C-alpha atoms as a PDB file:
ATOM      1  CA  MET A   1       5.907  16.042 -13.996  1.00  0.00           C
ATOM      2  CA  ILE A   2       4.562  12.789 -15.098  1.00  0.00           C
ATOM      3  CA  GLU A   3       1.063  12.058 -16.083  1.00  0.00           C
ATOM      4  CA  PRO A   4      -1.227  10.403 -13.440  1.00  0.00           C
ATOM      5  CA  GLY A   5      -1.469   6.646 -14.014  1.00  0.00           C
ATOM      6  CA  SER A   6       0.612   3.584 -14.552  1.00  0.00           C
ATOM      7  CA  HIS A   7       2.048   1.628 -17.689  1.00  0.00           C
ATOM      8  CA  VAL A   8       2.048  -1.722 -15.851  1.00  0.00           C
ATOM      9  CA  LEU A   9      -1.456  -2.451 -16.790  1.00  0.00           C
ATOM     10  CA  ARG A  10      -3.250  -1.785 -20.082  1.00  0.00           C
ATOM     11  CA  PRO A  11      -4.121   1.946 -20.759  1.00  0.00           C
ATOM     12  CA  GLY A  12      -7.481   2.804 -18.927  1.00  0.00           C
ATOM     13  CA  ILE A  13      -7.137  -0.179 -16.393  1.00  0.00           C
ATOM     14  CA  ARG A  14      -6.859   0.964 -12.756  1.00  0.00           C
ATOM     15  CA  THR A  15      -6.744  -0.796  -9.543  1.00  0.00           C
ATOM     16  CA  TYR A  16      -9.093   1.377  -7.842  1.00  0.00           C
ATOM     17  CA  LYS A  17     -12.381   2.968  -8.079  1.00  0.00           C
ATOM     18  CA  PRO A  18     -12.335   6.862  -8.510  1.00  0.00           C
ATOM     19  CA  ARG A  19     -14.868   8.489  -6.414  1.00  0.00           C
ATOM     20  CA  ARG A  20     -15.950  11.889  -5.220  1.00  0.00           C
ATOM     21  CA  SER A  21     -16.094  12.453  -1.518  1.00  0.00           C
ATOM     22  CA  ARG A  22     -16.802  15.212   0.705  1.00  0.00           C
ATOM     23  CA  ILE A  23     -13.685  16.541   2.696  1.00  0.00           C
ATOM     24  CA  SER A  24     -14.176  17.938   6.210  1.00  0.00           C
ATOM     25  CA  GLN A  25     -12.549  20.962   7.329  1.00  0.00           C
ATOM     26  CA  ARG A  26     -10.110  19.200   9.673  1.00  0.00           C
ATOM     27  CA  GLN A  27      -9.106  16.957   6.632  1.00  0.00           C
ATOM     28  CA  SER A  28      -8.808  19.945   4.596  1.00  0.00           C
ATOM     29  CA  ALA A  29      -6.673  21.876   7.150  1.00  0.00           C
ATOM     30  CA  ALA A  30      -4.543  18.838   7.646  1.00  0.00           C
ATOM     31  CA  ILE A  31      -3.574  18.834   3.886  1.00  0.00           C
ATOM     32  CA  ARG A  32      -2.972  22.609   3.946  1.00  0.00           C
ATOM     33  CA  ASN A  33      -0.628  22.356   6.981  1.00  0.00           C
ATOM     34  CA  HIS A  34       1.047  19.026   6.151  1.00  0.00           C
ATOM     35  CA  GLU A  35       4.516  20.162   7.158  1.00  0.00           C
ATOM     36  CA  GLY A  36       6.404  18.449   4.486  1.00  0.00           C
ATOM     37  CA  MET A  37       4.811  15.044   5.036  1.00  0.00           C
ATOM     38  CA  LEU A  38       2.796  15.116   1.717  1.00  0.00           C
ATOM     39  CA  VAL A  39       4.876  13.766  -1.268  1.00  0.00           C
ATOM     40  CA  THR A  40       3.892  14.944  -4.907  1.00  0.00           C
ATOM     41  CA  LEU A  41       3.913  12.455  -7.786  1.00  0.00           C
ATOM     42  CA  SER A  42       6.965  13.038  -9.919  1.00  0.00           C
ATOM     43  CA  ASP A  43       9.284  11.344 -12.398  1.00  0.00           C
ATOM     44  CA  GLN A  44      12.203  11.795  -9.932  1.00  0.00           C
ATOM     45  CA  PRO A  45      13.155   8.926  -7.657  1.00  0.00           C
ATOM     46  CA  LEU A  46      12.504   9.258  -4.142  1.00  0.00           C
ATOM     47  CA  ASP A  47      15.706   9.507  -1.947  1.00  0.00           C
ATOM     48  CA  PRO A  48      14.911   7.260   1.200  1.00  0.00           C
ATOM     49  CA  VAL A  49      18.029   8.782   3.054  1.00  0.00           C
ATOM     50  CA  LEU A  50      17.216  12.240   2.266  1.00  0.00           C
ATOM     51  CA  THR A  51      13.538  11.605   3.295  1.00  0.00           C
ATOM     52  CA  TRP A  52      13.828   9.280   6.282  1.00  0.00           C
ATOM     53  CA  GLY A  53      17.515   9.310   6.964  1.00  0.00           C
ATOM     54  CA  PRO A  54      20.251   6.822   6.700  1.00  0.00           C
ATOM     55  CA  GLY A  55      19.645   3.117   7.831  1.00  0.00           C
ATOM     56  CA  MET A  56      15.961   3.369   8.044  1.00  0.00           C
ATOM     57  CA  PRO A  57      14.113   0.424   6.217  1.00  0.00           C
ATOM     58  CA  LEU A  58      11.451   1.630   3.783  1.00  0.00           C
ATOM     59  CA  VAL A  59       7.967   0.130   3.566  1.00  0.00           C
ATOM     60  CA  LEU A  60       5.361   0.971   1.010  1.00  0.00           C
ATOM     61  CA  GLU A  61       1.711   0.812   1.931  1.00  0.00           C
ATOM     62  CA  ILE A  62      -0.846   0.719  -0.701  1.00  0.00           C
ATOM     63  CA  GLY A  63      -4.308   1.951   0.325  1.00  0.00           C
ATOM     64  CA  PHE A  64      -4.820   2.940   3.874  1.00  0.00           C
ATOM     65  CA  GLY A  65      -8.477   4.169   4.059  1.00  0.00           C
ATOM     66  CA  THR A  66      -8.872   6.388   6.942  1.00  0.00           C
ATOM     67  CA  GLY A  67      -5.030   5.919   7.905  1.00  0.00           C
ATOM     68  CA  GLN A  68      -6.054   4.664  11.817  1.00  0.00           C
ATOM     69  CA  ALA A  69      -3.932   1.394  11.344  1.00  0.00           C
ATOM     70  CA  THR A  70      -1.401   3.082   9.385  1.00  0.00           C
ATOM     71  CA  ALA A  71      -0.906   5.457  12.055  1.00  0.00           C
ATOM     72  CA  GLN A  72      -1.041   2.885  14.836  1.00  0.00           C
ATOM     73  CA  MET A  73       1.726   0.622  13.071  1.00  0.00           C
ATOM     74  CA  ALA A  74       3.808   3.734  12.268  1.00  0.00           C
ATOM     75  CA  ALA A  75       3.791   4.767  16.121  1.00  0.00           C
ATOM     76  CA  ALA A  76       4.874   1.280  17.216  1.00  0.00           C
ATOM     77  CA  GLU A  77       7.714   0.883  14.468  1.00  0.00           C
ATOM     78  CA  PRO A  78       9.767   4.368  14.739  1.00  0.00           C
ATOM     79  CA  ASP A  79      12.602   2.964  13.006  1.00  0.00           C
ATOM     80  CA  ILE A  80      10.740   1.882   9.815  1.00  0.00           C
ATOM     81  CA  GLY A  81      10.239   4.714   7.161  1.00  0.00           C
ATOM     82  CA  LEU A  82       6.573   4.290   5.660  1.00  0.00           C
ATOM     83  CA  LEU A  83       5.467   5.731   2.470  1.00  0.00           C
ATOM     84  CA  ALA A  84       1.653   5.537   2.713  1.00  0.00           C
ATOM     85  CA  ILE A  85      -0.308   5.892  -0.589  1.00  0.00           C
ATOM     86  CA  ASP A  86      -3.966   6.370  -1.371  1.00  0.00           C
ATOM     87  CA  VAL A  87      -6.117   7.988  -4.104  1.00  0.00           C
ATOM     88  CA  HIS A  88      -9.035   9.393  -1.913  1.00  0.00           C
ATOM     89  CA  THR A  89      -8.573  12.944  -0.598  1.00  0.00           C
ATOM     90  CA  PRO A  90     -10.482  12.458   2.690  1.00  0.00           C
ATOM     91  CA  GLY A  91      -8.389   9.416   3.657  1.00  0.00           C
ATOM     92  CA  ILE A  92      -5.186  11.659   2.870  1.00  0.00           C
ATOM     93  CA  GLY A  93      -6.438  14.295   5.248  1.00  0.00           C
ATOM     94  CA  ASP A  94      -7.154  11.869   8.002  1.00  0.00           C
ATOM     95  CA  LEU A  95      -3.780  10.242   7.796  1.00  0.00           C
ATOM     96  CA  LEU A  96      -2.073  13.597   7.844  1.00  0.00           C
ATOM     97  CA  TYR A  97      -4.038  14.651  10.835  1.00  0.00           C
ATOM     98  CA  ARG A  98      -3.089  11.429  12.616  1.00  0.00           C
ATOM     99  CA  ILE A  99       0.637  12.183  11.875  1.00  0.00           C
ATOM    100  CA  ASP A 100       0.363  15.631  13.419  1.00  0.00           C
ATOM    101  CA  ASP A 101      -1.688  14.363  16.429  1.00  0.00           C
ATOM    102  CA  LEU A 102       0.691  11.468  17.335  1.00  0.00           C
ATOM    103  CA  ASP A 103       4.011  13.614  16.209  1.00  0.00           C
ATOM    104  CA  LEU A 104       4.897  10.745  13.752  1.00  0.00           C
ATOM    105  CA  ALA A 105       8.272  11.727  11.851  1.00  0.00           C
ATOM    106  CA  ASN A 106       8.506   8.597   9.985  1.00  0.00           C
ATOM    107  CA  VAL A 107       5.580   8.685   7.659  1.00  0.00           C
ATOM    108  CA  ARG A 108       5.324  10.160   4.251  1.00  0.00           C
ATOM    109  CA  VAL A 109       1.808  10.271   2.499  1.00  0.00           C
ATOM    110  CA  MET A 110       1.037  10.385  -1.194  1.00  0.00           C
ATOM    111  CA  GLU A 111      -2.158  10.910  -3.204  1.00  0.00           C
ATOM    112  CA  ALA A 112      -1.518   8.853  -6.309  1.00  0.00           C
ATOM    113  CA  ASP A 113      -1.800   5.778  -8.139  1.00  0.00           C
ATOM    114  CA  ALA A 114       0.679   3.453  -6.209  1.00  0.00           C
ATOM    115  CA  LEU A 115       1.720   1.464  -9.354  1.00  0.00           C
ATOM    116  CA  ALA A 116       2.888   4.957 -10.927  1.00  0.00           C
ATOM    117  CA  VAL A 117       4.843   5.577  -7.873  1.00  0.00           C
ATOM    118  CA  LEU A 118       6.473   1.881  -7.905  1.00  0.00           C
ATOM    119  CA  GLU A 119       7.311   2.763 -11.527  1.00  0.00           C
ATOM    120  CA  HIS A 120       8.709   6.284 -11.362  1.00  0.00           C
ATOM    121  CA  MET A 121       9.690   7.133  -7.971  1.00  0.00           C
ATOM    122  CA  ILE A 122      10.995   3.748  -6.179  1.00  0.00           C
ATOM    123  CA  ALA A 123      14.322   2.615  -7.097  1.00  0.00           C
ATOM    124  CA  PRO A 124      14.961  -1.085  -7.813  1.00  0.00           C
ATOM    125  CA  GLY A 125      15.812  -3.074  -4.545  1.00  0.00           C
ATOM    126  CA  SER A 126      15.049  -0.151  -2.209  1.00  0.00           C
ATOM    127  CA  LEU A 127      11.863  -1.308  -0.333  1.00  0.00           C
ATOM    128  CA  THR A 128      11.963  -3.870   2.442  1.00  0.00           C
ATOM    129  CA  GLY A 129       8.146  -4.590   2.349  1.00  0.00           C
ATOM    130  CA  VAL A 130       5.013  -3.783   0.964  1.00  0.00           C
ATOM    131  CA  ARG A 131       1.618  -3.770   2.828  1.00  0.00           C
ATOM    132  CA  SER A 132      -1.861  -3.947   1.249  1.00  0.00           C
ATOM    133  CA  PHE A 133      -4.711  -4.495   3.616  1.00  0.00           C
ATOM    134  CA  PHE A 134      -8.004  -5.131   1.966  1.00  0.00           C
ATOM    135  CA  PRO A 135      -7.514  -4.100  -1.803  1.00  0.00           C
ATOM    136  CA  ASP A 136     -10.603  -3.982  -3.774  1.00  0.00           C
ATOM    137  CA  PRO A 137     -11.402  -7.618  -4.726  1.00  0.00           C
ATOM    138  CA  TRP A 138     -13.087  -6.707  -7.895  1.00  0.00           C
ATOM    139  CA  PRO A 139     -15.450  -9.605  -7.519  1.00  0.00           C
ATOM    140  CA  LYS A 140     -17.073  -9.856 -11.062  1.00  0.00           C
ATOM    141  CA  PRO A 141     -14.794 -12.035 -13.333  1.00  0.00           C
ATOM    142  CA  ARG A 142     -14.941  -9.274 -16.125  1.00  0.00           C
ATOM    143  CA  HIS A 143     -13.115  -6.837 -13.537  1.00  0.00           C
ATOM    144  CA  HIS A 144     -10.455  -9.402 -12.551  1.00  0.00           C
ATOM    145  CA  LYS A 145      -8.087  -7.401 -14.729  1.00  0.00           C
ATOM    146  CA  ARG A 146      -8.192  -4.420 -12.211  1.00  0.00           C
ATOM    147  CA  ARG A 147      -7.094  -6.484  -9.335  1.00  0.00           C
ATOM    148  CA  LEU A 148      -3.788  -5.298  -7.671  1.00  0.00           C
ATOM    149  CA  VAL A 149      -2.346  -8.804  -7.393  1.00  0.00           C
ATOM    150  CA  GLN A 150      -1.679 -10.056 -10.775  1.00  0.00           C
ATOM    151  CA  PRO A 151       1.398 -11.195 -12.727  1.00  0.00           C
ATOM    152  CA  ASP A 152       2.916  -7.704 -14.320  1.00  0.00           C
ATOM    153  CA  VAL A 153       2.415  -6.067 -10.683  1.00  0.00           C
ATOM    154  CA  LEU A 154       4.043  -9.004  -8.991  1.00  0.00           C
ATOM    155  CA  ALA A 155       7.106  -8.763 -11.381  1.00  0.00           C
ATOM    156  CA  LEU A 156       7.289  -4.738 -10.761  1.00  0.00           C
ATOM    157  CA  VAL A 157       6.911  -5.171  -6.812  1.00  0.00           C
ATOM    158  CA  ALA A 158       9.574  -7.937  -6.747  1.00  0.00           C
ATOM    159  CA  ASP A 159      12.066  -5.678  -8.826  1.00  0.00           C
ATOM    160  CA  ARG A 160      11.709  -2.795  -6.225  1.00  0.00           C
ATOM    161  CA  LEU A 161      11.992  -4.994  -3.067  1.00  0.00           C
ATOM    162  CA  ILE A 162      15.254  -5.997  -1.654  1.00  0.00           C
ATOM    163  CA  PRO A 163      16.089  -9.897  -1.666  1.00  0.00           C
ATOM    164  CA  GLY A 164      13.848 -11.477   1.084  1.00  0.00           C
ATOM    165  CA  GLY A 165      11.545  -8.398   0.793  1.00  0.00           C
ATOM    166  CA  TYR A 166       7.968  -9.093   1.526  1.00  0.00           C
ATOM    167  CA  TRP A 167       4.353  -8.344   0.567  1.00  0.00           C
ATOM    168  CA  HIS A 168       1.875  -8.540   3.110  1.00  0.00           C
ATOM    169  CA  ILE A 169      -1.718  -8.554   2.184  1.00  0.00           C
ATOM    170  CA  ALA A 170      -5.183  -9.069   3.907  1.00  0.00           C
ATOM    171  CA  THR A 171      -8.450  -9.692   2.436  1.00  0.00           C
ATOM    172  CA  ASP A 172     -11.933 -10.547   3.360  1.00  0.00           C
ATOM    173  CA  TRP A 173     -12.828 -12.058  -0.041  1.00  0.00           C
ATOM    174  CA  ASP A 174     -12.106 -16.040  -0.012  1.00  0.00           C
ATOM    175  CA  GLU A 175     -12.046 -16.242  -3.948  1.00  0.00           C
ATOM    176  CA  TYR A 176      -9.466 -13.254  -3.883  1.00  0.00           C
ATOM    177  CA  ALA A 177      -7.234 -15.101  -1.562  1.00  0.00           C
ATOM    178  CA  THR A 178      -7.377 -18.153  -3.519  1.00  0.00           C
ATOM    179  CA  SER A 179      -6.522 -16.171  -6.647  1.00  0.00           C
ATOM    180  CA  MET A 180      -3.704 -14.616  -4.906  1.00  0.00           C
ATOM    181  CA  ILE A 181      -2.344 -17.676  -3.831  1.00  0.00           C
ATOM    182  CA  THR A 182      -2.308 -19.119  -7.120  1.00  0.00           C
ATOM    183  CA  CYS A 183      -0.852 -15.755  -8.881  1.00  0.00           C
ATOM    184  CA  PHE A 184       2.160 -15.737  -6.328  1.00  0.00           C
ATOM    185  CA  GLY A 185       2.737 -19.474  -6.798  1.00  0.00           C
ATOM    186  CA  ALA A 186       3.011 -19.171 -10.470  1.00  0.00           C
ATOM    187  CA  ALA A 187       5.424 -15.995 -10.441  1.00  0.00           C
ATOM    188  CA  PRO A 188       8.903 -16.491 -10.143  1.00  0.00           C
ATOM    189  CA  GLY A 189      10.924 -15.129  -7.339  1.00  0.00           C
ATOM    190  CA  TRP A 190       8.201 -15.598  -4.776  1.00  0.00           C
ATOM    191  CA  ASP A 191       7.585 -17.657  -1.832  1.00  0.00           C
ATOM    192  CA  GLY A 192       4.995 -17.593   0.890  1.00  0.00           C
ATOM    193  CA  ALA A 193       1.590 -18.568   2.086  1.00  0.00           C
ATOM    194  CA  VAL A 194      -1.434 -17.704   4.224  1.00  0.00           C
ATOM    195  CA  ILE A 195      -0.360 -16.733   7.864  1.00  0.00           C
ATOM    196  CA  PRO A 196      -2.318 -16.377  11.212  1.00  0.00           C
ATOM    197  CA  ARG A 197      -3.384 -12.914  11.591  1.00  0.00           C
ATOM    198  CA  PRO A 198      -0.327 -10.964  12.934  1.00  0.00           C
ATOM    199  CA  ALA A 199      -0.899  -9.459  16.443  1.00  0.00           C
ATOM    200  CA  HIS A 200       0.817  -6.280  15.373  1.00  0.00           C
ATOM    201  CA  ARG A 201      -1.674  -5.632  12.457  1.00  0.00           C
ATOM    202  CA  PRO A 202      -4.275  -3.256  13.996  1.00  0.00           C
ATOM    203  CA  VAL A 203      -8.000  -3.934  12.838  1.00  0.00           C
ATOM    204  CA  THR A 204      -8.943  -1.543  10.231  1.00  0.00           C
ATOM    205  CA  ARG A 205     -12.249   0.254  10.115  1.00  0.00           C
ATOM    206  CA  TYR A 206     -13.232  -1.659   6.956  1.00  0.00           C
ATOM    207  CA  GLU A 207     -12.188  -5.055   8.676  1.00  0.00           C
ATOM    208  CA  GLY A 208     -14.196  -4.328  11.812  1.00  0.00           C
ATOM    209  CA  HIS A 209     -17.251  -3.938   9.400  1.00  0.00           C
ATOM    210  CA  ALA A 210     -16.315  -7.107   7.528  1.00  0.00           C
ATOM    211  CA  LEU A 211     -16.130  -9.133  10.833  1.00  0.00           C
ATOM    212  CA  ARG A 212     -19.390  -8.070  12.010  1.00  0.00           C
ATOM    213  CA  GLU A 213     -20.823  -9.336   8.723  1.00  0.00           C
ATOM    214  CA  GLY A 214     -19.216 -12.613   9.488  1.00  0.00           C
ATOM    215  CA  ARG A 215     -16.760 -12.536   6.640  1.00  0.00           C
ATOM    216  CA  THR A 216     -13.531 -14.541   6.839  1.00  0.00           C
ATOM    217  CA  ILE A 217     -10.361 -12.498   7.237  1.00  0.00           C
ATOM    218  CA  THR A 218      -7.182 -13.954   5.246  1.00  0.00           C
ATOM    219  CA  ASP A 219      -3.695 -12.581   5.744  1.00  0.00           C
ATOM    220  CA  LEU A 220      -1.049 -13.587   3.177  1.00  0.00           C
ATOM    221  CA  LEU A 221       2.685 -13.248   3.422  1.00  0.00           C
ATOM    222  CA  PHE A 222       5.079 -13.532   0.523  1.00  0.00           C
ATOM    223  CA  HIS A 223       8.847 -13.137   0.143  1.00  0.00           C
ATOM    224  CA  THR A 224      11.123 -12.624  -2.771  1.00  0.00           C
ATOM    225  CA  THR A 225      13.637 -15.431  -3.268  1.00  0.00           C
ATOM    226  CA  PRO A 226      16.883 -15.637  -5.270  1.00  0.00           C
ATOM    227  CA  GLU A 227      16.560 -16.380  -8.769  1.00  0.00           C
ATOM    228  CA  PRO A 228      17.563 -19.806  -9.455  1.00  0.00           C
END
């Protein structure tokens, strides 16, 4: 078993805020009775064929909150294998409950640092896509080193994606959107831009709150490109 954390960023730097949250009886029961849908962090590569079956594209979701949008997208895309990762236990329970309630067979859930999962459990060239909806913008300049989108992370994600694989990101923080565009533009092997909000992306609980407060939502879609 590997130690929690990632070696992509400097020691002690995490892209998320650890926090304690109360877990409800429903969430706790969903975690106890996950029926194989909860995957444990390990140093063994995940076998997509064994987990989802042959021929299913694999998409990784980094951070899913309550899992409502995740479950909706998974139900609408039964032929896509989804590995959904978050670090907060109540959200894990919420998504597992939704998986059982909707009888979803194409979702697996992990409570882990997504960068550690990418490093240790995802083989190069095995992901069709990555989704990150409303990652923490870490707005203070001294905290920008904790942002998910930065050069070393882009290199890791690009290595794990198939040629032409995508990373779809949404944010309600204008400065972070600008920063991401700059970061992707400077990274080798990436091409993309801001896109209109896709109709297939459900409004997340966080997004609804941001919209009520009048914040602008930006969707960005970038694809890996062949090396020159």
